[in-house]
Amino acid sequence: MAFDVGGSKGGGVRPTMNVTPLVDVVLVLLIIFMVVTPLMTKNLWMNVPAKPDKTEATPPPPPDAKPPVVLTVDKAGTLRINHEEVPRDQVVVRLQRMLNARADKIVFFDASDAVPYGSAMEVLDLARGGNITVAVLPDRLAD
């Protein structure tokens, strides 16, 4: 701690604070936060199906094959399962019920280009919260 002596009308000794240790501590904290911040990113693992090769002729599905389960979100935020509108609170229950009758247990996710990223992630988190395997469609499906 330093003291001021003289130079004032009161003529007494006045203590002044030394800010050097404070600046040192703040700089150390700044460096720590700069190092730790990139490590705090959230990872989201997705199963993305491979894009079909245009040169190969894909065989038609077997006649008894069930169509894939597709969860879509449009720009208004409406959730649909295989083109059927579903309320948000019933999505997980419906998906689980549909997947219990299937062997593949995979739901494909598709979002409109106009859907905000945060809204799409909320729907993905909703589905993954029900222990459902979600695969993201790489290209927009034709409606």
Protein backbone atom coordinates (compact mmCIF):
# COMPACT_ATOMS: atom_id res chain seq x y z
CA MET A 1 0.00 0.00 0.00
CA ALA A 2 1.32 3.47 -0.80
CA PHE A 3 0.83 6.72 1.07
CA ASP A 4 0.37 10.29 -0.11
CA VAL A 5 2.34 12.80 1.91
CA GLY A 6 1.81 16.49 1.48
CA GLY A 7 0.35 18.43 -1.39
CA SER A 8 -3.09 18.83 0.14
CA LYS A 9 -4.61 21.39 2.44
CA GLY A 10 -5.36 18.80 5.14
CA GLY A 11 -1.67 18.01 5.44
CA GLY A 12 -2.25 14.44 6.67
CA VAL A 13 -1.17 11.08 5.37
CA ARG A 14 -3.67 9.55 2.92
CA PRO A 15 -3.54 5.84 1.94
CA THR A 16 -3.92 5.03 -1.78
CA MET A 17 -4.52 1.61 -3.22
CA ASN A 18 -1.90 -0.14 -5.34
CA VAL A 19 -3.77 -1.55 -8.37
CA THR A 20 -0.90 -3.61 -9.80
CA PRO A 21 -1.92 -6.89 -8.06
CA LEU A 22 -5.52 -6.34 -9.17
CA VAL A 23 -4.46 -5.89 -12.80
CA ASP A 24 -2.30 -9.04 -12.55
CA VAL A 25 -5.22 -11.11 -11.29
CA VAL A 26 -7.57 -9.76 -13.98
CA LEU A 27 -5.06 -10.55 -16.73
CA VAL A 28 -4.59 -14.10 -15.44
CA LEU A 29 -8.39 -14.61 -15.37
CA LEU A 30 -8.68 -13.21 -18.89
CA ILE A 31 -6.08 -15.67 -20.17
CA ILE A 32 -7.82 -18.57 -18.39
CA PHE A 33 -11.19 -17.69 -19.94
CA MET A 34 -9.63 -17.28 -23.38
CA VAL A 35 -8.15 -20.78 -23.15
CA VAL A 36 -11.24 -22.47 -21.69
CA THR A 37 -13.92 -20.90 -23.94
CA PRO A 38 -13.15 -22.92 -27.11
CA LEU A 39 -13.38 -26.13 -25.06
CA MET A 40 -16.98 -25.43 -24.07
CA THR A 41 -18.54 -26.17 -27.47
CA LYS A 42 -21.46 -28.58 -27.61
CA ASN A 43 -21.08 -31.66 -29.79
CA LEU A 44 -24.05 -33.15 -31.55
CA TRP A 45 -23.55 -36.50 -33.23
CA MET A 46 -25.69 -37.10 -36.30
CA ASN A 47 -26.13 -40.01 -38.65
CA VAL A 48 -26.21 -38.55 -42.14
CA PRO A 49 -27.16 -40.97 -44.90
CA ALA A 50 -24.85 -41.18 -47.87
CA LYS A 51 -25.90 -39.30 -50.98
CA PRO A 52 -26.90 -41.76 -53.69
CA ASP A 53 -24.62 -41.97 -56.71
CA LYS A 54 -26.38 -40.73 -59.85
CA THR A 55 -24.55 -43.23 -62.08
CA GLU A 56 -25.80 -46.29 -60.21
CA ALA A 57 -29.35 -47.46 -60.71
CA THR A 58 -30.88 -47.93 -57.29
CA PRO A 59 -33.08 -50.98 -56.99
CA PRO A 60 -36.69 -50.35 -56.02
CA PRO A 61 -37.62 -51.14 -52.43
CA PRO A 62 -39.34 -54.43 -51.75
CA PRO A 63 -43.13 -54.29 -52.02
CA ASP A 64 -43.63 -55.03 -48.32
CA ALA A 65 -41.16 -52.33 -47.15
CA LYS A 66 -42.51 -49.61 -44.90
CA PRO A 67 -41.82 -46.00 -45.90
CA PRO A 68 -39.21 -44.22 -43.74
CA VAL A 69 -40.31 -42.12 -40.78
CA VAL A 70 -39.56 -38.47 -41.60
CA LEU A 71 -39.89 -35.67 -39.05
CA THR A 72 -40.15 -32.29 -40.79
CA VAL A 73 -40.30 -28.70 -39.58
CA ASP A 74 -41.59 -25.93 -41.82
CA LYS A 75 -40.89 -22.21 -41.59
CA ALA A 76 -43.98 -21.64 -39.43
CA GLY A 77 -42.62 -24.11 -36.87
CA THR A 78 -45.21 -26.80 -37.64
CA LEU A 79 -43.99 -30.32 -36.94
CA ARG A 80 -45.02 -33.15 -39.25
CA ILE A 81 -44.39 -36.86 -39.15
CA ASN A 82 -44.70 -38.33 -42.65
CA HIS A 83 -46.73 -35.27 -43.82
CA GLU A 84 -49.16 -35.56 -40.87
CA GLU A 85 -49.24 -32.52 -38.58
CA VAL A 86 -48.43 -33.40 -34.96
CA PRO A 87 -48.55 -31.18 -31.83
CA ARG A 88 -45.14 -30.58 -30.26
CA ASP A 89 -46.02 -32.29 -26.98
CA GLN A 90 -47.04 -35.52 -28.76
CA VAL A 91 -44.06 -35.85 -31.11
CA VAL A 92 -41.92 -38.09 -28.89
CA VAL A 93 -44.81 -40.37 -27.96
CA ARG A 94 -45.88 -40.79 -31.59
CA LEU A 95 -42.34 -41.41 -32.80
CA GLN A 96 -41.69 -44.01 -30.10
CA ARG A 97 -44.97 -45.75 -30.91
CA MET A 98 -44.17 -45.77 -34.65
CA LEU A 99 -40.63 -47.05 -34.09
CA ASN A 100 -41.76 -49.88 -31.79
CA ALA A 101 -43.53 -51.44 -34.78
CA ARG A 102 -40.47 -51.13 -37.04
CA ALA A 103 -37.19 -52.96 -37.32
CA ASP A 104 -34.97 -50.01 -38.40
CA LYS A 105 -35.66 -47.63 -35.42
CA ILE A 106 -34.41 -44.54 -37.31
CA VAL A 107 -36.17 -41.21 -37.79
CA PHE A 108 -35.07 -38.93 -40.61
CA PHE A 109 -35.12 -35.19 -39.88
CA ASP A 110 -35.76 -32.51 -42.47
CA ALA A 111 -36.15 -28.78 -41.89
CA SER A 112 -37.14 -26.02 -44.28
CA ASP A 113 -34.38 -23.62 -45.29
CA ALA A 114 -36.34 -20.78 -43.66
CA VAL A 115 -36.39 -22.43 -40.20
CA PRO A 116 -34.03 -20.70 -37.74
CA TYR A 117 -31.15 -22.87 -36.55
CA GLY A 118 -32.26 -22.67 -32.91
CA SER A 119 -35.75 -23.94 -33.72
CA ALA A 120 -34.39 -26.87 -35.70
CA MET A 121 -32.03 -27.78 -32.84
CA GLU A 122 -34.92 -27.65 -30.34
CA VAL A 123 -36.82 -30.22 -32.41
CA LEU A 124 -33.72 -32.41 -32.71
CA ASP A 125 -33.16 -32.19 -28.95
CA LEU A 126 -36.82 -33.04 -28.38
CA ALA A 127 -36.50 -36.20 -30.48
CA ARG A 128 -33.13 -37.18 -29.03
CA GLY A 129 -34.52 -36.63 -25.52
CA GLY A 130 -36.86 -39.56 -26.18
CA ASN A 131 -33.86 -41.84 -26.97
CA ILE A 132 -34.66 -41.80 -30.67
CA THR A 133 -31.94 -42.20 -33.29
CA VAL A 134 -32.17 -39.23 -35.65
CA ALA A 135 -30.58 -39.06 -39.09
CA VAL A 136 -30.45 -35.69 -40.83
CA LEU A 137 -31.41 -35.59 -44.51
CA PRO A 138 -28.65 -33.88 -46.50
CA ASP A 139 -30.96 -32.52 -49.24
CA ARG A 140 -34.46 -31.12 -49.05
CA LEU A 141 -37.14 -33.66 -49.93
CA ALA A 142 -39.50 -32.86 -52.75
CA ASP A 143 -43.00 -32.36 -51.34
